Amino acid sequence: MGLFTPDMNNLRELYRTMLQRSLDSERQIVDDGLPAMIENSTNSQLKNAFRTHLEESKEHISRLERIMRDNDGEASRSKCKVTAALISEGSASAKDAKDQTLRDVVLIAAGNQVEHHEIAIYGTLRNMAIILGEAEHAALLDKTLDEEKHADKVLTELSEQINVAAPVA
């Protein structure tokens, strides 16, 4: 075992570690990220998109916990530093935006960044699950991947409406 991270000697160990980090990522999103985004957004459609994804993210946690129990009997935690950094950066940028519409633009950008990270992770995990012969895990991860892609699409569509209303100079 490494000093700060677990040793990864094979694909199954990497899969387990990535599942743990994904679980932590979703918990950060549910506990901190999305509630702050809901509170700080001013556009009603954007608020609703964040609320919808908050409920989906709670289901993502349940799916990951299920996979973790199937995989090694526990849903232990490994910190996802990337999500922590994305949430922190988005929060700081939102506080710096003086205009409400500009703040919504910042929140959309932060949301898209988190979604793109999650899309990459869930796609990787799904492919690992297939290789490891974990068809049920792959199906659950694929469902989550589809929901993350949909959330990204919704935010992108909202950006096409909201970004043009932001002050340009």
N, C-alpha and C. Protein backbone atom coordinates (compact mmCIF):
# COMPACT_ATOMS: atom_id res chain seq x y z
N MET A 1 0.84 -1.19 0.00
CA MET A 1 0.00 0.00 0.00
C MET A 1 0.88 1.24 0.00
N GLY A 2 0.52 2.22 -0.83
CA GLY A 2 1.24 3.47 -0.87
C GLY A 2 0.98 4.28 0.38
N LEU A 3 1.79 5.27 0.61
CA LEU A 3 1.65 6.10 1.81
C LEU A 3 0.30 6.80 1.85
N PHE A 4 -0.13 7.37 0.71
CA PHE A 4 -1.38 8.11 0.67
C PHE A 4 -2.44 7.50 -0.22
N THR A 5 -2.05 6.55 -1.05
CA THR A 5 -3.00 5.90 -1.96
C THR A 5 -2.76 4.40 -1.94
N PRO A 6 -3.80 3.64 -2.23
CA PRO A 6 -3.63 2.18 -2.25
C PRO A 6 -2.78 1.76 -3.44
N ASP A 7 -2.02 0.68 -3.25
CA ASP A 7 -1.29 0.11 -4.37
C ASP A 7 -2.29 -0.44 -5.38
N MET A 8 -1.95 -0.33 -6.65
CA MET A 8 -2.79 -0.87 -7.70
C MET A 8 -1.91 -1.77 -8.55
N ASN A 9 -2.10 -3.07 -8.38
CA ASN A 9 -1.28 -4.05 -9.08
C ASN A 9 -1.98 -4.71 -10.25
N ASN A 10 -3.29 -4.46 -10.39
CA ASN A 10 -4.03 -5.08 -11.48
C ASN A 10 -5.29 -4.27 -11.78
N LEU A 11 -5.96 -4.64 -12.84
CA LEU A 11 -7.13 -3.90 -13.29
C LEU A 11 -8.24 -3.89 -12.24
N ARG A 12 -8.42 -5.00 -11.54
CA ARG A 12 -9.48 -5.06 -10.53
C ARG A 12 -9.21 -4.07 -9.39
N GLU A 13 -7.94 -3.95 -8.98
CA GLU A 13 -7.60 -2.99 -7.92
C GLU A 13 -7.80 -1.55 -8.40
N LEU A 14 -7.42 -1.28 -9.65
CA LEU A 14 -7.65 0.04 -10.22
C LEU A 14 -9.14 0.34 -10.30
N TYR A 15 -9.91 -0.63 -10.73
CA TYR A 15 -11.37 -0.51 -10.82
C TYR A 15 -11.95 -0.17 -9.45
N ARG A 16 -11.53 -0.89 -8.44
CA ARG A 16 -12.02 -0.66 -7.08
C ARG A 16 -11.67 0.76 -6.61
N THR A 17 -10.43 1.18 -6.84
CA THR A 17 -10.00 2.51 -6.43
C THR A 17 -10.80 3.60 -7.16
N MET A 18 -11.00 3.40 -8.46
CA MET A 18 -11.78 4.38 -9.23
C MET A 18 -13.23 4.41 -8.79
N LEU A 19 -13.79 3.27 -8.41
CA LEU A 19 -15.15 3.25 -7.88
C LEU A 19 -15.23 4.05 -6.58
N GLN A 20 -14.24 3.87 -5.72
CA GLN A 20 -14.22 4.60 -4.45
C GLN A 20 -14.13 6.10 -4.68
N ARG A 21 -13.29 6.51 -5.61
CA ARG A 21 -13.15 7.95 -5.91
C ARG A 21 -14.43 8.49 -6.55
N SER A 22 -15.07 7.68 -7.38
CA SER A 22 -16.33 8.12 -7.99
C SER A 22 -17.42 8.29 -6.93
N LEU A 23 -17.44 7.39 -5.98
CA LEU A 23 -18.41 7.50 -4.88
C LEU A 23 -18.16 8.78 -4.11
N ASP A 24 -16.91 9.07 -3.79
CA ASP A 24 -16.59 10.31 -3.09
C ASP A 24 -16.98 11.52 -3.94
N SER A 25 -16.71 11.45 -5.23
CA SER A 25 -17.06 12.54 -6.15
C SER A 25 -18.56 12.82 -6.08
N GLU A 26 -19.36 11.77 -6.20
CA GLU A 26 -20.83 11.96 -6.16
C GLU A 26 -21.27 12.51 -4.81
N ARG A 27 -20.65 12.07 -3.74
CA ARG A 27 -21.02 12.59 -2.41
C ARG A 27 -20.68 14.07 -2.30
N GLN A 28 -19.54 14.47 -2.83
CA GLN A 28 -19.18 15.89 -2.83
C GLN A 28 -20.20 16.70 -3.63
N ILE A 29 -20.60 16.15 -4.75
CA ILE A 29 -21.56 16.84 -5.62
C ILE A 29 -22.91 16.98 -4.92
N VAL A 30 -23.35 15.93 -4.25
CA VAL A 30 -24.64 15.94 -3.56
C VAL A 30 -24.59 16.80 -2.29
N ASP A 31 -23.49 16.70 -1.55
CA ASP A 31 -23.40 17.41 -0.27
C ASP A 31 -23.06 18.89 -0.42
N ASP A 32 -22.22 19.21 -1.40
CA ASP A 32 -21.71 20.58 -1.50
C ASP A 32 -22.00 21.25 -2.84
N GLY A 33 -21.60 20.59 -3.92
CA GLY A 33 -21.64 21.21 -5.24
C GLY A 33 -23.02 21.65 -5.70
N LEU A 34 -23.91 20.70 -5.88
CA LEU A 34 -25.22 21.04 -6.43
C LEU A 34 -26.07 21.90 -5.49
N PRO A 35 -26.09 21.65 -4.18
CA PRO A 35 -26.86 22.57 -3.32
C PRO A 35 -26.41 24.03 -3.45
N ALA A 36 -25.10 24.26 -3.54
CA ALA A 36 -24.60 25.62 -3.71
C ALA A 36 -24.99 26.18 -5.07
N MET A 37 -24.96 25.34 -6.10
CA MET A 37 -25.34 25.80 -7.44
C MET A 37 -26.82 26.16 -7.49
N ILE A 38 -27.63 25.37 -6.84
CA ILE A 38 -29.07 25.67 -6.78
C ILE A 38 -29.29 27.00 -6.07
N GLU A 39 -28.62 27.17 -4.95
CA GLU A 39 -28.78 28.39 -4.15
C GLU A 39 -28.30 29.64 -4.90
N ASN A 40 -27.22 29.51 -5.65
CA ASN A 40 -26.61 30.67 -6.29
C ASN A 40 -27.13 30.98 -7.69
N SER A 41 -27.85 30.06 -8.31
CA SER A 41 -28.36 30.33 -9.65
C SER A 41 -29.62 31.20 -9.56
N THR A 42 -29.81 32.04 -10.56
CA THR A 42 -30.97 32.93 -10.57
C THR A 42 -31.98 32.54 -11.65
N ASN A 43 -31.55 31.82 -12.67
CA ASN A 43 -32.43 31.41 -13.75
C ASN A 43 -33.22 30.19 -13.29
N SER A 44 -34.55 30.24 -13.41
CA SER A 44 -35.40 29.16 -12.90
C SER A 44 -35.15 27.83 -13.62
N GLN A 45 -34.90 27.88 -14.92
CA GLN A 45 -34.63 26.64 -15.66
C GLN A 45 -33.31 26.01 -15.20
N LEU A 46 -32.34 26.86 -14.93
CA LEU A 46 -31.05 26.37 -14.45
C LEU A 46 -31.20 25.75 -13.06
N LYS A 47 -31.94 26.43 -12.18
CA LYS A 47 -32.20 25.87 -10.84
C LYS A 47 -32.84 24.49 -10.96
N ASN A 48 -33.84 24.38 -11.84
CA ASN A 48 -34.54 23.10 -12.01
C ASN A 48 -33.61 22.02 -12.57
N ALA A 49 -32.73 22.40 -13.49
CA ALA A 49 -31.77 21.43 -14.03
C ALA A 49 -30.85 20.92 -12.92
N PHE A 50 -30.38 21.83 -12.08
CA PHE A 50 -29.51 21.42 -10.97
C PHE A 50 -30.28 20.55 -9.97
N ARG A 51 -31.54 20.90 -9.69
CA ARG A 51 -32.35 20.09 -8.77
C ARG A 51 -32.56 18.67 -9.32
N THR A 52 -32.88 18.59 -10.60
CA THR A 52 -33.07 17.29 -11.24
C THR A 52 -31.79 16.46 -11.15
N HIS A 53 -30.67 17.09 -11.43
CA HIS A 53 -29.41 16.33 -11.39
C HIS A 53 -29.01 15.97 -9.97
N LEU A 54 -29.41 16.76 -9.00
CA LEU A 54 -29.16 16.41 -7.60
C LEU A 54 -29.85 15.09 -7.27
N GLU A 55 -31.08 14.93 -7.69
CA GLU A 55 -31.81 13.68 -7.44
C GLU A 55 -31.16 12.52 -8.19
N GLU A 56 -30.75 12.76 -9.43
CA GLU A 56 -30.05 11.71 -10.17
C GLU A 56 -28.74 11.33 -9.47
N SER A 57 -28.03 12.32 -8.97
CA SER A 57 -26.74 12.06 -8.31
C SER A 57 -26.92 11.23 -7.05
N LYS A 58 -28.02 11.41 -6.36
CA LYS A 58 -28.31 10.57 -5.19
C LYS A 58 -28.46 9.11 -5.63
N GLU A 59 -29.09 8.91 -6.77
CA GLU A 59 -29.22 7.55 -7.32
C GLU A 59 -27.87 7.01 -7.76
N HIS A 60 -27.01 7.88 -8.27
CA HIS A 60 -25.66 7.46 -8.66
C HIS A 60 -24.91 6.92 -7.44
N ILE A 61 -25.09 7.57 -6.31
CA ILE A 61 -24.46 7.10 -5.06
C ILE A 61 -24.97 5.71 -4.73
N SER A 62 -26.27 5.51 -4.82
CA SER A 62 -26.84 4.19 -4.51
C SER A 62 -26.29 3.12 -5.43
N ARG A 63 -26.18 3.44 -6.71
CA ARG A 63 -25.64 2.46 -7.67
C ARG A 63 -24.18 2.14 -7.35
N LEU A 64 -23.39 3.16 -7.07
CA LEU A 64 -21.98 2.94 -6.75
C LEU A 64 -21.83 2.12 -5.47
N GLU A 65 -22.64 2.41 -4.47
CA GLU A 65 -22.59 1.63 -3.22
C GLU A 65 -22.93 0.18 -3.48
N ARG A 66 -23.91 -0.05 -4.33
CA ARG A 66 -24.29 -1.42 -4.70
C ARG A 66 -23.13 -2.14 -5.40
N ILE A 67 -22.51 -1.46 -6.36
CA ILE A 67 -21.39 -2.05 -7.08
C ILE A 67 -20.24 -2.33 -6.11
N MET A 68 -19.98 -1.39 -5.21
CA MET A 68 -18.90 -1.57 -4.24
C MET A 68 -19.17 -2.78 -3.34
N ARG A 69 -20.39 -2.92 -2.89
CA ARG A 69 -20.74 -4.09 -2.05
C ARG A 69 -20.55 -5.38 -2.83
N ASP A 70 -20.98 -5.39 -4.09
CA ASP A 70 -20.80 -6.58 -4.94
C ASP A 70 -19.32 -6.87 -5.17
N ASN A 71 -18.53 -5.83 -5.27
CA ASN A 71 -17.12 -5.95 -5.64
C ASN A 71 -16.23 -6.40 -4.48
N ASP A 72 -16.42 -5.80 -3.32
CA ASP A 72 -15.53 -6.15 -2.22
C ASP A 72 -16.19 -6.12 -0.85
N GLY A 73 -17.50 -6.03 -0.83
CA GLY A 73 -18.21 -6.12 0.43
C GLY A 73 -18.36 -4.83 1.19
N GLU A 74 -17.74 -3.73 0.73
CA GLU A 74 -17.89 -2.47 1.44
C GLU A 74 -17.80 -1.31 0.46
N ALA A 75 -18.34 -0.19 0.89
CA ALA A 75 -18.30 1.02 0.09
C ALA A 75 -17.37 2.01 0.78
N SER A 76 -16.08 1.68 0.84
CA SER A 76 -15.11 2.55 1.50
C SER A 76 -14.87 3.79 0.65
N ARG A 77 -14.17 4.75 1.23
CA ARG A 77 -14.03 6.05 0.60
C ARG A 77 -12.59 6.35 0.23
N SER A 78 -12.41 6.92 -0.93
CA SER A 78 -11.12 7.41 -1.40
C SER A 78 -11.39 8.79 -1.99
N LYS A 79 -10.69 9.79 -1.54
CA LYS A 79 -10.95 11.18 -1.92
C LYS A 79 -10.75 11.43 -3.41
N CYS A 80 -11.74 12.09 -4.02
CA CYS A 80 -11.62 12.53 -5.41
C CYS A 80 -11.18 14.00 -5.39
N LYS A 81 -9.90 14.20 -5.60
CA LYS A 81 -9.33 15.54 -5.55
C LYS A 81 -9.78 16.39 -6.74
N VAL A 82 -10.04 15.75 -7.86
CA VAL A 82 -10.46 16.50 -9.05
C VAL A 82 -11.80 17.16 -8.81
N THR A 83 -12.77 16.42 -8.30
CA THR A 83 -14.08 16.99 -8.04
C THR A 83 -13.99 18.08 -6.99
N ALA A 84 -13.20 17.86 -5.94
CA ALA A 84 -13.03 18.88 -4.90
C ALA A 84 -12.49 20.18 -5.52
N ALA A 85 -11.52 20.05 -6.42
CA ALA A 85 -10.94 21.24 -7.06
C ALA A 85 -11.95 21.92 -7.97
N LEU A 86 -12.71 21.13 -8.73
CA LEU A 86 -13.71 21.72 -9.64
C LEU A 86 -14.79 22.45 -8.85
N ILE A 87 -15.25 21.88 -7.75
CA ILE A 87 -16.28 22.52 -6.93
C ILE A 87 -15.72 23.81 -6.32
N SER A 88 -14.51 23.74 -5.80
CA SER A 88 -13.88 24.91 -5.19
C SER A 88 -13.69 26.04 -6.20
N GLU A 89 -13.19 25.69 -7.37
CA GLU A 89 -12.98 26.69 -8.42
C GLU A 89 -14.31 27.31 -8.87
N GLY A 90 -15.32 26.48 -9.07
CA GLY A 90 -16.63 26.98 -9.48
C GLY A 90 -17.24 27.89 -8.44
N SER A 91 -17.11 27.51 -7.19
CA SER A 91 -17.65 28.32 -6.09
C SER A 91 -16.96 29.68 -6.02
N ALA A 92 -15.63 29.67 -6.12
CA ALA A 92 -14.88 30.93 -6.07
C ALA A 92 -15.25 31.83 -7.25
N SER A 93 -15.36 31.25 -8.43
CA SER A 93 -15.70 32.04 -9.62
C SER A 93 -17.11 32.61 -9.51
N ALA A 94 -18.04 31.82 -8.98
CA ALA A 94 -19.42 32.30 -8.81
C ALA A 94 -19.46 33.49 -7.84
N LYS A 95 -18.67 33.43 -6.79
CA LYS A 95 -18.63 34.54 -5.83
C LYS A 95 -18.05 35.79 -6.47
N ASP A 96 -17.13 35.63 -7.40
CA ASP A 96 -16.49 36.77 -8.06
C ASP A 96 -17.40 37.45 -9.09
N ALA A 97 -18.40 36.74 -9.58
CA ALA A 97 -19.29 37.29 -10.61
C ALA A 97 -20.29 38.25 -9.96
N LYS A 98 -20.20 39.51 -10.32
CA LYS A 98 -21.08 40.52 -9.72
C LYS A 98 -22.47 40.53 -10.36
N ASP A 99 -22.54 40.25 -11.63
CA ASP A 99 -23.81 40.23 -12.36
C ASP A 99 -24.48 38.87 -12.20
N GLN A 100 -25.79 38.86 -11.95
CA GLN A 100 -26.52 37.59 -11.74
C GLN A 100 -26.46 36.68 -12.96
N THR A 101 -26.63 37.23 -14.14
CA THR A 101 -26.58 36.40 -15.34
C THR A 101 -25.19 35.83 -15.54
N LEU A 102 -24.18 36.65 -15.29
CA LEU A 102 -22.81 36.17 -15.41
C LEU A 102 -22.54 35.05 -14.40
N ARG A 103 -23.12 35.18 -13.21
CA ARG A 103 -22.98 34.10 -12.21
C ARG A 103 -23.62 32.81 -12.73
N ASP A 104 -24.76 32.91 -13.38
CA ASP A 104 -25.38 31.72 -13.97
C ASP A 104 -24.49 31.11 -15.04
N VAL A 105 -23.83 31.96 -15.84
CA VAL A 105 -22.90 31.48 -16.86
C VAL A 105 -21.76 30.71 -16.20
N VAL A 106 -21.23 31.27 -15.12
CA VAL A 106 -20.15 30.62 -14.38
C VAL A 106 -20.62 29.27 -13.84
N LEU A 107 -21.82 29.22 -13.30
CA LEU A 107 -22.35 27.97 -12.75
C LEU A 107 -22.55 26.92 -13.83
N ILE A 108 -23.01 27.33 -14.99
CA ILE A 108 -23.16 26.39 -16.11
C ILE A 108 -21.79 25.85 -16.50
N ALA A 109 -20.81 26.72 -16.63
CA ALA A 109 -19.46 26.29 -17.00
C ALA A 109 -18.90 25.32 -15.97
N ALA A 110 -19.09 25.62 -14.70
CA ALA A 110 -18.61 24.73 -13.64
C ALA A 110 -19.33 23.39 -13.70
N GLY A 111 -20.64 23.44 -13.94
CA GLY A 111 -21.42 22.20 -14.06
C GLY A 111 -20.96 21.36 -15.23
N ASN A 112 -20.72 22.00 -16.37
CA ASN A 112 -20.21 21.27 -17.55
C ASN A 112 -18.86 20.63 -17.25
N GLN A 113 -17.99 21.33 -16.55
CA GLN A 113 -16.67 20.78 -16.23
C GLN A 113 -16.80 19.53 -15.36
N VAL A 114 -17.67 19.58 -14.37
CA VAL A 114 -17.89 18.41 -13.51
C VAL A 114 -18.49 17.27 -14.33
N GLU A 115 -19.46 17.58 -15.18
CA GLU A 115 -20.09 16.55 -16.00
C GLU A 115 -19.07 15.88 -16.93
N HIS A 116 -18.20 16.67 -17.52
CA HIS A 116 -17.21 16.09 -18.43
C HIS A 116 -16.26 15.17 -17.68
N HIS A 117 -15.89 15.55 -16.47
CA HIS A 117 -15.05 14.67 -15.63
C HIS A 117 -15.79 13.37 -15.34
N GLU A 118 -17.06 13.48 -14.97
CA GLU A 118 -17.84 12.28 -14.65
C GLU A 118 -18.06 11.41 -15.89
N ILE A 119 -18.29 12.01 -17.03
CA ILE A 119 -18.46 11.24 -18.26
C ILE A 119 -17.21 10.41 -18.53
N ALA A 120 -16.05 11.03 -18.37
CA ALA A 120 -14.79 10.31 -18.59
C ALA A 120 -14.65 9.16 -17.60
N ILE A 121 -14.95 9.41 -16.34
CA ILE A 121 -14.80 8.38 -15.31
C ILE A 121 -15.78 7.24 -15.53
N TYR A 122 -17.05 7.55 -15.74
CA TYR A 122 -18.04 6.48 -15.89
C TYR A 122 -17.83 5.67 -17.16
N GLY A 123 -17.39 6.32 -18.23
CA GLY A 123 -17.06 5.58 -19.44
C GLY A 123 -15.91 4.61 -19.20
N THR A 124 -14.88 5.08 -18.50
CA THR A 124 -13.73 4.23 -18.17
C THR A 124 -14.15 3.08 -17.27
N LEU A 125 -14.93 3.38 -16.23
CA LEU A 125 -15.38 2.33 -15.31
C LEU A 125 -16.25 1.30 -16.02
N ARG A 126 -17.13 1.75 -16.88
CA ARG A 126 -17.99 0.81 -17.62
C ARG A 126 -17.13 -0.14 -18.46
N ASN A 127 -16.14 0.40 -19.15
CA ASN A 127 -15.27 -0.43 -19.97
C ASN A 127 -14.46 -1.41 -19.12
N MET A 128 -14.01 -0.97 -17.96
CA MET A 128 -13.29 -1.87 -17.05
C MET A 128 -14.22 -2.99 -16.58
N ALA A 129 -15.46 -2.62 -16.24
CA ALA A 129 -16.41 -3.63 -15.77
C ALA A 129 -16.64 -4.70 -16.85
N ILE A 130 -16.74 -4.28 -18.09
CA ILE A 130 -16.91 -5.23 -19.19
C ILE A 130 -15.72 -6.18 -19.26
N ILE A 131 -14.52 -5.62 -19.22
CA ILE A 131 -13.30 -6.44 -19.28
C ILE A 131 -13.23 -7.41 -18.10
N LEU A 132 -13.66 -6.96 -16.93
CA LEU A 132 -13.61 -7.79 -15.72
C LEU A 132 -14.77 -8.79 -15.64
N GLY A 133 -15.64 -8.80 -16.63
CA GLY A 133 -16.76 -9.74 -16.64
C GLY A 133 -17.88 -9.35 -15.70
N GLU A 134 -17.98 -8.07 -15.38
CA GLU A 134 -19.00 -7.56 -14.47
C GLU A 134 -20.12 -6.91 -15.27
N ALA A 135 -20.91 -7.73 -15.95
CA ALA A 135 -21.95 -7.23 -16.86
C ALA A 135 -22.99 -6.38 -16.13
N GLU A 136 -23.39 -6.79 -14.93
CA GLU A 136 -24.39 -6.02 -14.18
C GLU A 136 -23.83 -4.66 -13.78
N HIS A 137 -22.56 -4.64 -13.35
CA HIS A 137 -21.92 -3.36 -13.02
C HIS A 137 -21.86 -2.47 -14.25
N ALA A 138 -21.47 -3.07 -15.38
CA ALA A 138 -21.36 -2.30 -16.63
C ALA A 138 -22.70 -1.66 -17.00
N ALA A 139 -23.78 -2.40 -16.81
CA ALA A 139 -25.11 -1.86 -17.13
C ALA A 139 -25.46 -0.69 -16.21
N LEU A 140 -25.16 -0.82 -14.92
CA LEU A 140 -25.43 0.26 -13.97
C LEU A 140 -24.58 1.49 -14.28
N LEU A 141 -23.32 1.25 -14.59
CA LEU A 141 -22.42 2.36 -14.93
C LEU A 141 -22.82 3.03 -16.24
N ASP A 142 -23.31 2.24 -17.19
CA ASP A 142 -23.77 2.78 -18.46
C ASP A 142 -25.00 3.66 -18.26
N LYS A 143 -25.88 3.25 -17.38
CA LYS A 143 -27.07 4.06 -17.07
C LYS A 143 -26.65 5.40 -16.46
N THR A 144 -25.70 5.36 -15.54
CA THR A 144 -25.20 6.59 -14.93
C THR A 144 -24.51 7.45 -15.98
N LEU A 145 -23.72 6.84 -16.85
CA LEU A 145 -23.04 7.57 -17.92
C LEU A 145 -24.06 8.30 -18.79
N ASP A 146 -25.14 7.63 -19.15
CA ASP A 146 -26.18 8.26 -19.97
C ASP A 146 -26.79 9.46 -19.24
N GLU A 147 -27.00 9.35 -17.94
CA GLU A 147 -27.58 10.46 -17.17
C GLU A 147 -26.60 11.64 -17.09
N GLU A 148 -25.31 11.35 -16.96
CA GLU A 148 -24.31 12.41 -16.93
C GLU A 148 -24.24 13.12 -18.28
N LYS A 149 -24.31 12.36 -19.36
CA LYS A 149 -24.31 12.96 -20.70
C LYS A 149 -25.55 13.84 -20.88
N HIS A 150 -26.68 13.37 -20.38
CA HIS A 150 -27.91 14.15 -20.50
C HIS A 150 -27.80 15.46 -19.70
N ALA A 151 -27.27 15.38 -18.50
CA ALA A 151 -27.10 16.59 -17.67
C ALA A 151 -26.19 17.59 -18.39
N ASP A 152 -25.12 17.10 -19.00
CA ASP A 152 -24.22 17.97 -19.76
C ASP A 152 -24.95 18.62 -20.93
N LYS A 153 -25.77 17.84 -21.61
CA LYS A 153 -26.53 18.37 -22.76
C LYS A 153 -27.51 19.46 -22.31
N VAL A 154 -28.19 19.22 -21.20
CA VAL A 154 -29.14 20.21 -20.68
C VAL A 154 -28.42 21.51 -20.34
N LEU A 155 -27.28 21.40 -19.66
CA LEU A 155 -26.51 22.61 -19.33
C LEU A 155 -26.03 23.33 -20.58
N THR A 156 -25.59 22.59 -21.57
CA THR A 156 -25.14 23.20 -22.82
C THR A 156 -26.28 23.93 -23.51
N GLU A 157 -27.46 23.32 -23.54
CA GLU A 157 -28.63 23.97 -24.14
C GLU A 157 -29.01 25.23 -23.38
N LEU A 158 -28.95 25.18 -22.05
CA LEU A 158 -29.25 26.37 -21.25
C LEU A 158 -28.21 27.47 -21.50
N SER A 159 -26.97 27.06 -21.70
CA SER A 159 -25.92 28.07 -21.94
C SER A 159 -26.20 28.85 -23.22
N GLU A 160 -26.80 28.20 -24.19
CA GLU A 160 -27.11 28.88 -25.45
C GLU A 160 -28.14 29.99 -25.25
N GLN A 161 -28.96 29.88 -24.20
CA GLN A 161 -29.95 30.91 -23.89
C GLN A 161 -29.39 31.95 -22.92
N ILE A 162 -28.67 31.47 -21.91
CA ILE A 162 -28.26 32.33 -20.82
C ILE A 162 -26.99 33.11 -21.15
N ASN A 163 -26.02 32.47 -21.78
CA ASN A 163 -24.74 33.13 -22.04
C ASN A 163 -24.88 34.40 -22.87
N VAL A 164 -25.81 34.41 -23.81
CA VAL A 164 -25.98 35.58 -24.68
C VAL A 164 -26.54 36.77 -23.93
N ALA A 165 -27.14 36.54 -22.76
CA ALA A 165 -27.70 37.63 -21.96
C ALA A 165 -26.68 38.23 -20.97
N ALA A 166 -25.51 37.61 -20.87
CA ALA A 166 -24.49 38.10 -19.94
C ALA A 166 -23.84 39.36 -20.50
N PRO A 167 -23.42 40.26 -19.60
CA PRO A 167 -22.73 41.46 -20.07
C PRO A 167 -21.42 41.07 -20.79
N VAL A 168 -21.13 41.76 -21.87
CA VAL A 168 -19.94 41.45 -22.66
C VAL A 168 -18.80 42.44 -22.43
N ALA A 169 -19.10 43.56 -21.87
CA ALA A 169 -18.02 44.54 -21.61
C ALA A 169 -18.28 45.29 -20.33
